[in-house]
């Protein structure tokens, strides 16, 4: 489905053993198609694809990415399917998901 390039994914861990592979799906990050595995956290899929910047701060426009990875700090928030401020470290990917780098506090892109 995708090019066989370098990956940051671990499928055979020296201590944990072989990892069960799940269905490979596609998600779209800033319009670019990237591979993901069903049920993985969005942040893990982005990290595996080499994406480090998830948002920019509102006052100083500074880049932010994964920090705590447990849903507490909000550094990993992005706009997901038009909804801003989604914590990507605890939100599982779904096929066809549209994810965008968030600027500042984000803005709603869909009707609520």
PDB file of N, CA and C in Angstrom:
ATOM      1  N   UNK A   1       0.822  -1.193   0.000  1.00  0.00           N
ATOM      2  CA  UNK A   1       0.000   0.000   0.000  1.00  0.00           C
ATOM      3  C   UNK A   1       0.867   1.258   0.000  1.00  0.00           C
ATOM      4  N   UNK A   2       1.993   1.231   0.696  1.00  0.00           N
ATOM      5  CA  UNK A   2       2.855   2.398   0.809  1.00  0.00           C
ATOM      6  C   UNK A   2       4.279   2.027   0.429  1.00  0.00           C
ATOM      7  N   UNK A   3       5.073   3.051   0.143  1.00  0.00           N
ATOM      8  CA  UNK A   3       6.482   2.823  -0.179  1.00  0.00           C
ATOM      9  C   UNK A   3       7.198   2.157   0.985  1.00  0.00           C
ATOM     10  N   UNK A   4       8.129   1.317   0.657  1.00  0.00           N
ATOM     11  CA  UNK A   4       8.929   0.645   1.684  1.00  0.00           C
ATOM     12  C   UNK A   4      10.145   1.517   1.995  1.00  0.00           C
ATOM     13  N   UNK A   5       9.989   2.497   2.846  1.00  0.00           N
ATOM     14  CA  UNK A   5      11.094   3.372   3.224  1.00  0.00           C
ATOM     15  C   UNK A   5      11.443   3.155   4.673  1.00  0.00           C
ATOM     16  N   UNK A   6      12.355   3.970   5.196  1.00  0.00           N
ATOM     17  CA  UNK A   6      12.721   3.826   6.607  1.00  0.00           C
ATOM     18  C   UNK A   6      11.509   4.069   7.501  1.00  0.00           C
ATOM     19  N   UNK A   7      11.414   3.313   8.561  1.00  0.00           N
ATOM     20  CA  UNK A   7      10.287   3.434   9.481  1.00  0.00           C
ATOM     21  C   UNK A   7      10.800   3.467  10.907  1.00  0.00           C
ATOM     22  N   UNK A   8      10.096   4.179  11.748  1.00  0.00           N
ATOM     23  CA  UNK A   8      10.436   4.226  13.163  1.00  0.00           C
ATOM     24  C   UNK A   8       9.618   3.223  13.964  1.00  0.00           C
ATOM     25  N   UNK A   9       8.870   2.379  13.285  1.00  0.00           N
ATOM     26  CA  UNK A   9       8.050   1.388  13.972  1.00  0.00           C
ATOM     27  C   UNK A   9       8.878   0.186  14.397  1.00  0.00           C
ATOM     28  N   UNK A  10       8.528  -0.365  15.538  1.00  0.00           N
ATOM     29  CA  UNK A  10       9.197  -1.558  16.052  1.00  0.00           C
ATOM     30  C   UNK A  10       8.203  -2.712  15.961  1.00  0.00           C
ATOM     31  N   UNK A  11       8.545  -3.733  15.175  1.00  0.00           N
ATOM     32  CA  UNK A  11       7.670  -4.894  15.041  1.00  0.00           C
ATOM     33  C   UNK A  11       8.235  -6.117  15.761  1.00  0.00           C
ATOM     34  N   UNK A  12       9.517  -6.086  16.040  1.00  0.00           N
ATOM     35  CA  UNK A  12      10.161  -7.193  16.740  1.00  0.00           C
ATOM     36  C   UNK A  12      11.072  -6.589  17.811  1.00  0.00           C
ATOM     37  N   UNK A  13      10.555  -6.506  19.026  1.00  0.00           N
ATOM     38  CA  UNK A  13      11.256  -5.863  20.136  1.00  0.00           C
ATOM     39  C   UNK A  13      12.115  -6.885  20.873  1.00  0.00           C
ATOM     40  N   UNK A  14      13.352  -6.525  21.248  1.00  0.00           N
ATOM     41  CA  UNK A  14      14.224  -7.496  21.907  1.00  0.00           C
ATOM     42  C   UNK A  14      13.706  -7.994  23.259  1.00  0.00           C
ATOM     43  N   UNK A  15      12.912  -7.210  23.943  1.00  0.00           N
ATOM     44  CA  UNK A  15      12.380  -7.619  25.250  1.00  0.00           C
ATOM     45  C   UNK A  15      10.910  -8.023  25.161  1.00  0.00           C
ATOM     46  N   UNK A  16      10.115  -7.226  24.457  1.00  0.00           N
ATOM     47  CA  UNK A  16       8.674  -7.485  24.367  1.00  0.00           C
ATOM     48  C   UNK A  16       8.320  -8.555  23.342  1.00  0.00           C
ATOM     49  N   UNK A  17       9.253  -8.876  22.456  1.00  0.00           N
ATOM     50  CA  UNK A  17       8.994  -9.889  21.438  1.00  0.00           C
ATOM     51  C   UNK A  17       8.339  -9.306  20.198  1.00  0.00           C
ATOM     52  N   UNK A  18       7.732 -10.188  19.409  1.00  0.00           N
ATOM     53  CA  UNK A  18       7.079  -9.746  18.175  1.00  0.00           C
ATOM     54  C   UNK A  18       5.772  -9.037  18.496  1.00  0.00           C
ATOM     55  N   UNK A  19       5.554  -7.938  17.808  1.00  0.00           N
ATOM     56  CA  UNK A  19       4.329  -7.167  17.978  1.00  0.00           C
ATOM     57  C   UNK A  19       3.303  -7.638  16.950  1.00  0.00           C
ATOM     58  N   UNK A  20       2.080  -7.790  17.386  1.00  0.00           N
ATOM     59  CA  UNK A  20       1.012  -8.192  16.479  1.00  0.00           C
ATOM     60  C   UNK A  20       0.744  -7.057  15.503  1.00  0.00           C
ATOM     61  N   UNK A  21       0.759  -7.373  14.229  1.00  0.00           N
ATOM     62  CA  UNK A  21       0.486  -6.347  13.215  1.00  0.00           C
ATOM     63  C   UNK A  21      -1.015  -6.197  13.034  1.00  0.00           C
ATOM     64  N   UNK A  22      -1.426  -4.968  12.916  1.00  0.00           N
ATOM     65  CA  UNK A  22      -2.834  -4.675  12.670  1.00  0.00           C
ATOM     66  C   UNK A  22      -3.019  -4.202  11.235  1.00  0.00           C
ATOM     67  N   UNK A  23      -4.251  -3.992  10.872  1.00  0.00           N
ATOM     68  CA  UNK A  23      -4.558  -3.555   9.512  1.00  0.00           C
ATOM     69  C   UNK A  23      -3.920  -2.203   9.224  1.00  0.00           C
ATOM     70  N   UNK A  24      -3.220  -2.125   8.091  1.00  0.00           N
ATOM     71  CA  UNK A  24      -2.634  -0.856   7.685  1.00  0.00           C
ATOM     72  C   UNK A  24      -3.696  -0.028   6.981  1.00  0.00           C
ATOM     73  N   UNK A  25      -3.783   1.231   7.367  1.00  0.00           N
ATOM     74  CA  UNK A  25      -4.762   2.152   6.794  1.00  0.00           C
ATOM     75  C   UNK A  25      -4.034   3.415   6.355  1.00  0.00           C
ATOM     76  N   UNK A  26      -4.775   4.326   5.743  1.00  0.00           N
ATOM     77  CA  UNK A  26      -4.213   5.621   5.343  1.00  0.00           C
ATOM     78  C   UNK A  26      -4.907   6.732   6.108  1.00  0.00           C
ATOM     79  N   UNK A  27      -4.104   7.700   6.553  1.00  0.00           N
ATOM     80  CA  UNK A  27      -4.638   8.931   7.131  1.00  0.00           C
ATOM     81  C   UNK A  27      -4.008  10.084   6.357  1.00  0.00           C
ATOM     82  N   UNK A  28      -4.580  11.265   6.484  1.00  0.00           N
ATOM     83  CA  UNK A  28      -4.095  12.422   5.739  1.00  0.00           C
ATOM     84  C   UNK A  28      -3.675  13.501   6.722  1.00  0.00           C
ATOM     85  N   UNK A  29      -2.409  13.895   6.638  1.00  0.00           N
ATOM     86  CA  UNK A  29      -1.865  14.908   7.535  1.00  0.00           C
ATOM     87  C   UNK A  29      -1.461  16.108   6.685  1.00  0.00           C
ATOM     88  N   UNK A  30      -2.156  17.218   6.907  1.00  0.00           N
ATOM     89  CA  UNK A  30      -1.936  18.426   6.102  1.00  0.00           C
ATOM     90  C   UNK A  30      -2.010  18.099   4.615  1.00  0.00           C
ATOM     91  N   UNK A  31      -2.954  17.230   4.264  1.00  0.00           N
ATOM     92  CA  UNK A  31      -3.195  16.857   2.876  1.00  0.00           C
ATOM     93  C   UNK A  31      -2.312  15.742   2.340  1.00  0.00           C
ATOM     94  N   UNK A  32      -1.324  15.312   3.112  1.00  0.00           N
ATOM     95  CA  UNK A  32      -0.405  14.258   2.661  1.00  0.00           C
ATOM     96  C   UNK A  32      -0.840  12.909   3.221  1.00  0.00           C
ATOM     97  N   UNK A  33      -0.902  11.917   2.345  1.00  0.00           N
ATOM     98  CA  UNK A  33      -1.298  10.564   2.745  1.00  0.00           C
ATOM     99  C   UNK A  33      -0.139   9.884   3.462  1.00  0.00           C
ATOM    100  N   UNK A  34      -0.404   9.371   4.671  1.00  0.00           N
ATOM    101  CA  UNK A  34       0.634   8.634   5.394  1.00  0.00           C
ATOM    102  C   UNK A  34       0.049   7.319   5.909  1.00  0.00           C
ATOM    103  N   UNK A  35       0.905   6.310   6.087  1.00  0.00           N
ATOM    104  CA  UNK A  35       0.424   5.028   6.597  1.00  0.00           C
ATOM    105  C   UNK A  35       0.205   5.078   8.100  1.00  0.00           C
ATOM    106  N   UNK A  36      -0.731   4.277   8.549  1.00  0.00           N
ATOM    107  CA  UNK A  36      -1.006   4.148   9.984  1.00  0.00           C
ATOM    108  C   UNK A  36      -1.532   2.736  10.209  1.00  0.00           C
ATOM    109  N   UNK A  37      -1.586   2.347  11.455  1.00  0.00           N
ATOM    110  CA  UNK A  37      -2.143   1.043  11.793  1.00  0.00           C
ATOM    111  C   UNK A  37      -3.380   1.244  12.645  1.00  0.00           C
ATOM    112  N   UNK A  38      -4.462   0.607  12.232  1.00  0.00           N
ATOM    113  CA  UNK A  38      -5.755   0.727  12.894  1.00  0.00           C
ATOM    114  C   UNK A  38      -5.594   0.618  14.407  1.00  0.00           C
ATOM    115  N   UNK A  39      -6.110   1.618  15.125  1.00  0.00           N
ATOM    116  CA  UNK A  39      -6.104   1.593  16.580  1.00  0.00           C
ATOM    117  C   UNK A  39      -4.904   2.246  17.235  1.00  0.00           C
ATOM    118  N   UNK A  40      -3.836   2.510  16.473  1.00  0.00           N
ATOM    119  CA  UNK A  40      -2.691   3.213  17.058  1.00  0.00           C
ATOM    120  C   UNK A  40      -3.089   4.642  17.409  1.00  0.00           C
ATOM    121  N   UNK A  41      -2.470   5.236  18.417  1.00  0.00           N
ATOM    122  CA  UNK A  41      -2.719   6.656  18.674  1.00  0.00           C
ATOM    123  C   UNK A  41      -2.245   7.485  17.476  1.00  0.00           C
ATOM    124  N   UNK A  42      -2.948   8.573  17.196  1.00  0.00           N
ATOM    125  CA  UNK A  42      -2.552   9.442  16.086  1.00  0.00           C
ATOM    126  C   UNK A  42      -1.087   9.844  16.238  1.00  0.00           C
ATOM    127  N   UNK A  43      -0.693  10.252  17.444  1.00  0.00           N
ATOM    128  CA  UNK A  43       0.677  10.718  17.676  1.00  0.00           C
ATOM    129  C   UNK A  43       1.709   9.650  17.328  1.00  0.00           C
ATOM    130  N   UNK A  44       1.429   8.396  17.617  1.00  0.00           N
ATOM    131  CA  UNK A  44       2.364   7.312  17.295  1.00  0.00           C
ATOM    132  C   UNK A  44       2.509   7.161  15.784  1.00  0.00           C
ATOM    133  N   UNK A  45       1.406   7.278  15.068  1.00  0.00           N
ATOM    134  CA  UNK A  45       1.450   7.173  13.612  1.00  0.00           C
ATOM    135  C   UNK A  45       2.243   8.323  13.009  1.00  0.00           C
ATOM    136  N   UNK A  46       2.061   9.526  13.555  1.00  0.00           N
ATOM    137  CA  UNK A  46       2.796  10.684  13.047  1.00  0.00           C
ATOM    138  C   UNK A  46       4.286  10.546  13.352  1.00  0.00           C
ATOM    139  N   UNK A  47       4.611  10.115  14.561  1.00  0.00           N
ATOM    140  CA  UNK A  47       6.016   9.930  14.933  1.00  0.00           C
ATOM    141  C   UNK A  47       6.678   8.889  14.033  1.00  0.00           C
ATOM    142  N   UNK A  48       5.970   7.799  13.747  1.00  0.00           N
ATOM    143  CA  UNK A  48       6.510   6.749  12.878  1.00  0.00           C
ATOM    144  C   UNK A  48       6.756   7.265  11.466  1.00  0.00           C
ATOM    145  N   UNK A  49       5.983   8.271  11.058  1.00  0.00           N
ATOM    146  CA  UNK A  49       6.143   8.862   9.730  1.00  0.00           C
ATOM    147  C   UNK A  49       7.165  10.003   9.737  1.00  0.00           C
ATOM    148  N   UNK A  50       7.774  10.262  10.905  1.00  0.00           N
ATOM    149  CA  UNK A  50       8.789  11.306  10.999  1.00  0.00           C
ATOM    150  C   UNK A  50       8.246  12.698  11.231  1.00  0.00           C
ATOM    151  N   UNK A  51       6.962  12.804  11.553  1.00  0.00           N
ATOM    152  CA  UNK A  51       6.350  14.114  11.805  1.00  0.00           C
ATOM    153  C   UNK A  51       6.532  14.462  13.274  1.00  0.00           C
ATOM    154  N   UNK A  52       7.194  15.577  13.548  1.00  0.00           N
ATOM    155  CA  UNK A  52       7.504  15.958  14.919  1.00  0.00           C
ATOM    156  C   UNK A  52       6.710  17.159  15.418  1.00  0.00           C
ATOM    157  N   UNK A  53       6.286  18.038  14.526  1.00  0.00           N
ATOM    158  CA  UNK A  53       5.561  19.247  14.924  1.00  0.00           C
ATOM    159  C   UNK A  53       4.071  19.031  14.701  1.00  0.00           C
ATOM    160  N   UNK A  54       3.290  19.159  15.776  1.00  0.00           N
ATOM    161  CA  UNK A  54       1.847  18.936  15.719  1.00  0.00           C
ATOM    162  C   UNK A  54       1.061  20.239  15.760  1.00  0.00           C
ATOM    163  N   UNK A  55       1.635  21.253  16.400  1.00  0.00           N
ATOM    164  CA  UNK A  55       0.939  22.534  16.513  1.00  0.00           C
ATOM    165  C   UNK A  55       1.957  23.640  16.732  1.00  0.00           C
ATOM    166  N   UNK A  56       1.456  24.887  16.633  1.00  0.00           N
ATOM    167  CA  UNK A  56       2.251  26.069  16.942  1.00  0.00           C
ATOM    168  C   UNK A  56       1.514  26.869  18.006  1.00  0.00           C
ATOM    169  N   UNK A  57       2.253  27.385  18.992  1.00  0.00           N
ATOM    170  CA  UNK A  57       1.630  28.111  20.101  1.00  0.00           C
ATOM    171  C   UNK A  57       0.980  29.400  19.614  1.00  0.00           C
ATOM    172  N   UNK A  58      -0.011  29.876  20.376  1.00  0.00           N
ATOM    173  CA  UNK A  58      -0.775  31.047  19.955  1.00  0.00           C
ATOM    174  C   UNK A  58      -0.020  32.362  20.107  1.00  0.00           C
ATOM    175  N   UNK A  59       0.773  32.534  21.135  1.00  0.00           N
ATOM    176  CA  UNK A  59       1.447  33.817  21.348  1.00  0.00           C
ATOM    177  C   UNK A  59       2.773  33.951  20.601  1.00  0.00           C
ATOM    178  N   UNK A  60       3.586  32.920  20.627  1.00  0.00           N
ATOM    179  CA  UNK A  60       4.932  33.034  20.058  1.00  0.00           C
ATOM    180  C   UNK A  60       5.147  32.177  18.819  1.00  0.00           C
ATOM    181  N   UNK A  61       4.116  31.479  18.382  1.00  0.00           N
ATOM    182  CA  UNK A  61       4.193  30.656  17.172  1.00  0.00           C
ATOM    183  C   UNK A  61       5.333  29.628  17.254  1.00  0.00           C
ATOM    184  N   UNK A  62       5.507  29.052  18.446  1.00  0.00           N
ATOM    185  CA  UNK A  62       6.565  28.065  18.657  1.00  0.00           C
ATOM    186  C   UNK A  62       6.037  26.656  18.387  1.00  0.00           C
ATOM    187  N   UNK A  63       6.864  25.785  17.801  1.00  0.00           N
ATOM    188  CA  UNK A  63       6.418  24.423  17.492  1.00  0.00           C
ATOM    189  C   UNK A  63       6.282  23.566  18.745  1.00  0.00           C
ATOM    190  N   UNK A  64       5.299  22.678  18.716  1.00  0.00           N
ATOM    191  CA  UNK A  64       5.086  21.725  19.805  1.00  0.00           C
ATOM    192  C   UNK A  64       4.782  20.362  19.193  1.00  0.00           C
ATOM    193  N   UNK A  65       5.062  19.308  19.955  1.00  0.00           N
ATOM    194  CA  UNK A  65       4.801  17.944  19.516  1.00  0.00           C
ATOM    195  C   UNK A  65       4.515  17.076  20.719  1.00  0.00           C
ATOM    196  N   UNK A  66       4.919  15.820  20.656  1.00  0.00           N
ATOM    197  CA  UNK A  66       4.676  14.901  21.771  1.00  0.00           C
ATOM    198  C   UNK A  66       5.500  15.339  22.977  1.00  0.00           C
ATOM    199  N   UNK A  67       4.866  15.390  24.143  1.00  0.00           N
ATOM    200  CA  UNK A  67       5.580  15.700  25.377  1.00  0.00           C
ATOM    201  C   UNK A  67       5.293  14.625  26.416  1.00  0.00           C
ATOM    202  N   UNK A  68       4.073  14.609  26.952  1.00  0.00           N
ATOM    203  CA  UNK A  68       3.783  13.640  28.018  1.00  0.00           C
ATOM    204  C   UNK A  68       3.316  12.293  27.458  1.00  0.00           C
ATOM    205  N   UNK A  69       2.635  12.308  26.337  1.00  0.00           N
ATOM    206  CA  UNK A  69       2.116  11.107  25.669  1.00  0.00           C
ATOM    207  C   UNK A  69       1.083  10.341  26.491  1.00  0.00           C
ATOM    208  N   UNK A  70       0.440  11.011  27.462  1.00  0.00           N
ATOM    209  CA  UNK A  70      -0.624  10.364  28.243  1.00  0.00           C
ATOM    210  C   UNK A  70      -1.885  11.227  28.326  1.00  0.00           C
ATOM    211  N   UNK A  71      -1.975  12.272  27.497  1.00  0.00           N
ATOM    212  CA  UNK A  71      -3.192  13.074  27.434  1.00  0.00           C
ATOM    213  C   UNK A  71      -3.325  14.182  28.451  1.00  0.00           C
ATOM    214  N   UNK A  72      -2.250  14.543  29.135  1.00  0.00           N
ATOM    215  CA  UNK A  72      -2.331  15.556  30.185  1.00  0.00           C
ATOM    216  C   UNK A  72      -1.885  16.954  29.760  1.00  0.00           C
ATOM    217  N   UNK A  73      -0.846  17.051  28.949  1.00  0.00           N
ATOM    218  CA  UNK A  73      -0.196  18.351  28.733  1.00  0.00           C
ATOM    219  C   UNK A  73      -0.793  19.186  27.598  1.00  0.00           C
ATOM    220  N   UNK A  74      -1.446  18.628  26.662  1.00  0.00           N
ATOM    221  CA  UNK A  74      -2.039  19.264  25.474  1.00  0.00           C
ATOM    222  C   UNK A  74      -1.015  19.770  24.454  1.00  0.00           C
ATOM    223  N   UNK A  75       0.246  19.417  24.574  1.00  0.00           N
ATOM    224  CA  UNK A  75       1.211  19.832  23.555  1.00  0.00           C
ATOM    225  C   UNK A  75       0.958  19.145  22.214  1.00  0.00           C
ATOM    226  N   UNK A  76       0.295  18.012  22.215  1.00  0.00           N
ATOM    227  CA  UNK A  76       0.091  17.241  20.984  1.00  0.00           C
ATOM    228  C   UNK A  76      -1.241  17.534  20.291  1.00  0.00           C
ATOM    229  N   UNK A  77      -1.967  18.572  20.721  1.00  0.00           N
ATOM    230  CA  UNK A  77      -3.281  18.804  20.116  1.00  0.00           C
ATOM    231  C   UNK A  77      -3.154  19.204  18.650  1.00  0.00           C
ATOM    232  N   UNK A  78      -4.099  18.706  17.858  1.00  0.00           N
ATOM    233  CA  UNK A  78      -4.176  19.015  16.435  1.00  0.00           C
ATOM    234  C   UNK A  78      -5.647  19.135  16.058  1.00  0.00           C
ATOM    235  N   UNK A  79      -5.894  19.595  14.847  1.00  0.00           N
ATOM    236  CA  UNK A  79      -7.253  19.636  14.325  1.00  0.00           C
ATOM    237  C   UNK A  79      -7.497  18.315  13.602  1.00  0.00           C
ATOM    238  N   UNK A  80      -8.514  17.572  14.052  1.00  0.00           N
ATOM    239  CA  UNK A  80      -8.806  16.251  13.501  1.00  0.00           C
ATOM    240  C   UNK A  80     -10.231  16.254  12.962  1.00  0.00           C
ATOM    241  N   UNK A  81     -10.366  15.977  11.675  1.00  0.00           N
ATOM    242  CA  UNK A  81     -11.671  15.985  11.003  1.00  0.00           C
ATOM    243  C   UNK A  81     -12.446  17.264  11.300  1.00  0.00           C
ATOM    244  N   UNK A  82     -11.734  18.397  11.301  1.00  0.00           N
ATOM    245  CA  UNK A  82     -12.362  19.701  11.502  1.00  0.00           C
ATOM    246  C   UNK A  82     -12.542  20.118  12.942  1.00  0.00           C
ATOM    247  N   UNK A  83     -12.197  19.258  13.884  1.00  0.00           N
ATOM    248  CA  UNK A  83     -12.349  19.566  15.312  1.00  0.00           C
ATOM    249  C   UNK A  83     -10.990  19.931  15.914  1.00  0.00           C
ATOM    250  N   UNK A  84     -10.846  21.164  16.438  1.00  0.00           N
ATOM    251  CA  UNK A  84      -9.562  21.566  17.014  1.00  0.00           C
ATOM    252  C   UNK A  84      -9.331  20.969  18.399  1.00  0.00           C
ATOM    253  N   UNK A  85      -8.089  21.041  18.843  1.00  0.00           N
ATOM    254  CA  UNK A  85      -7.693  20.667  20.206  1.00  0.00           C
ATOM    255  C   UNK A  85      -7.903  19.196  20.550  1.00  0.00           C
ATOM    256  N   UNK A  86      -7.733  18.323  19.572  1.00  0.00           N
ATOM    257  CA  UNK A  86      -7.837  16.883  19.813  1.00  0.00           C
ATOM    258  C   UNK A  86      -6.479  16.392  20.317  1.00  0.00           C
ATOM    259  N   UNK A  87      -6.478  15.719  21.448  1.00  0.00           N
ATOM    260  CA  UNK A  87      -5.232  15.176  22.015  1.00  0.00           C
ATOM    261  C   UNK A  87      -4.842  13.928  21.229  1.00  0.00           C
ATOM    262  N   UNK A  88      -3.834  14.081  20.402  1.00  0.00           N
ATOM    263  CA  UNK A  88      -3.473  13.009  19.473  1.00  0.00           C
ATOM    264  C   UNK A  88      -2.771  11.831  20.131  1.00  0.00           C
ATOM    265  N   UNK A  89      -2.246  12.020  21.329  1.00  0.00           N
ATOM    266  CA  UNK A  89      -1.543  10.907  21.985  1.00  0.00           C
ATOM    267  C   UNK A  89      -2.504   9.870  22.553  1.00  0.00           C
ATOM    268  N   UNK A  90      -3.768  10.227  22.708  1.00  0.00           N
ATOM    269  CA  UNK A  90      -4.747   9.287  23.271  1.00  0.00           C
ATOM    270  C   UNK A  90      -5.936   9.051  22.340  1.00  0.00           C
ATOM    271  N   UNK A  91      -5.871   9.569  21.121  1.00  0.00           N
ATOM    272  CA  UNK A  91      -6.956   9.398  20.153  1.00  0.00           C
ATOM    273  C   UNK A  91      -6.513   8.411  19.079  1.00  0.00           C
ATOM    274  N   UNK A  92      -7.241   7.282  18.923  1.00  0.00           N
ATOM    275  CA  UNK A  92      -6.838   6.291  17.919  1.00  0.00           C
ATOM    276  C   UNK A  92      -7.128   6.754  16.492  1.00  0.00           C
ATOM    277  N   UNK A  93      -6.274   6.322  15.564  1.00  0.00           N
ATOM    278  CA  UNK A  93      -6.482   6.660  14.157  1.00  0.00           C
ATOM    279  C   UNK A  93      -7.645   5.858  13.593  1.00  0.00           C
ATOM    280  N   UNK A  94      -8.265   6.420  12.585  1.00  0.00           N
ATOM    281  CA  UNK A  94      -9.316   5.749  11.816  1.00  0.00           C
ATOM    282  C   UNK A  94      -9.009   5.982  10.347  1.00  0.00           C
ATOM    283  N   UNK A  95      -9.356   5.043   9.512  1.00  0.00           N
ATOM    284  CA  UNK A  95      -9.088   5.155   8.078  1.00  0.00           C
ATOM    285  C   UNK A  95      -9.675   6.445   7.518  1.00  0.00           C
ATOM    286  N   UNK A  96      -8.876   7.149   6.714  1.00  0.00           N
ATOM    287  CA  UNK A  96      -9.329   8.358   6.049  1.00  0.00           C
ATOM    288  C   UNK A  96      -9.338   9.609   6.907  1.00  0.00           C
ATOM    289  N   UNK A  97      -8.900   9.506   8.143  1.00  0.00           N
ATOM    290  CA  UNK A  97      -8.895  10.640   9.068  1.00  0.00           C
ATOM    291  C   UNK A  97      -8.100  11.798   8.463  1.00  0.00           C
ATOM    292  N   UNK A  98      -8.634  13.024   8.621  1.00  0.00           N
ATOM    293  CA  UNK A  98      -7.955  14.219   8.130  1.00  0.00           C
ATOM    294  C   UNK A  98      -7.427  14.997   9.332  1.00  0.00           C
ATOM    295  N   UNK A  99      -6.112  15.122   9.395  1.00  0.00           N
ATOM    296  CA  UNK A  99      -5.433  15.720  10.540  1.00  0.00           C
ATOM    297  C   UNK A  99      -4.649  16.929  10.049  1.00  0.00           C
ATOM    298  N   UNK A 100      -4.749  18.030  10.791  1.00  0.00           N
ATOM    299  CA  UNK A 100      -4.041  19.242  10.385  1.00  0.00           C
ATOM    300  C   UNK A 100      -3.226  19.811  11.529  1.00  0.00           C
ATOM    301  N   UNK A 101      -2.044  20.329  11.179  1.00  0.00           N
ATOM    302  CA  UNK A 101      -1.225  21.037  12.151  1.00  0.00           C
ATOM    303  C   UNK A 101      -2.042  22.219  12.648  1.00  0.00           C
ATOM    304  N   UNK A 102      -2.104  22.377  13.946  1.00  0.00           N
ATOM    305  CA  UNK A 102      -2.952  23.424  14.530  1.00  0.00           C
ATOM    306  C   UNK A 102      -2.144  24.689  14.777  1.00  0.00           C
ATOM    307  N   UNK A 103      -2.744  25.819  14.449  1.00  0.00           N
ATOM    308  CA  UNK A 103      -2.154  27.128  14.713  1.00  0.00           C
ATOM    309  C   UNK A 103      -2.875  27.735  15.906  1.00  0.00           C
ATOM    310  N   UNK A 104      -2.143  28.076  16.940  1.00  0.00           N
ATOM    311  CA  UNK A 104      -2.741  28.700  18.122  1.00  0.00           C
ATOM    312  C   UNK A 104      -3.787  27.816  18.761  1.00  0.00           C
ATOM    313  N   UNK A 105      -4.929  28.424  19.062  1.00  0.00           N
ATOM    314  CA  UNK A 105      -6.009  27.695  19.722  1.00  0.00           C
ATOM    315  C   UNK A 105      -6.868  26.899  18.755  1.00  0.00           C
ATOM    316  N   UNK A 106      -6.605  27.032  17.466  1.00  0.00           N
ATOM    317  CA  UNK A 106      -7.379  26.307  16.463  1.00  0.00           C
ATOM    318  C   UNK A 106      -8.735  26.943  16.249  1.00  0.00           C
ATOM    319  N   UNK A 107      -9.425  26.492  15.210  1.00  0.00           N
ATOM    320  CA  UNK A 107     -10.780  26.966  14.974  1.00  0.00           C
ATOM    321  C   UNK A 107     -11.600  25.840  14.375  1.00  0.00           C
ATOM    322  N   UNK A 108     -12.869  25.851  14.717  1.00  0.00           N
ATOM    323  CA  UNK A 108     -13.780  24.811  14.238  1.00  0.00           C
ATOM    324  C   UNK A 108     -13.943  24.934  12.744  1.00  0.00           C
ATOM    325  N   UNK A 109     -13.857  23.815  12.045  1.00  0.00           N
ATOM    326  CA  UNK A 109     -14.035  23.803  10.604  1.00  0.00           C
ATOM    327  C   UNK A 109     -15.294  23.063  10.196  1.00  0.00           C
ATOM    328  N   UNK A 110     -16.013  22.595  11.178  1.00  0.00           N
ATOM    329  CA  UNK A 110     -17.267  21.907  10.871  1.00  0.00           C
ATOM    330  C   UNK A 110     -18.352  22.475  11.765  1.00  0.00           C
ATOM    331  N   UNK A 111     -19.579  22.270  11.362  1.00  0.00           N
ATOM    332  CA  UNK A 111     -20.703  22.767  12.156  1.00  0.00           C
ATOM    333  C   UNK A 111     -20.827  21.961  13.431  1.00  0.00           C
ATOM    334  N   UNK A 112     -21.072  22.656  14.528  1.00  0.00           N
ATOM    335  CA  UNK A 112     -21.244  21.954  15.801  1.00  0.00           C
ATOM    336  C   UNK A 112     -22.675  22.064  16.267  1.00  0.00           C
TER     337      UNK A 112
END
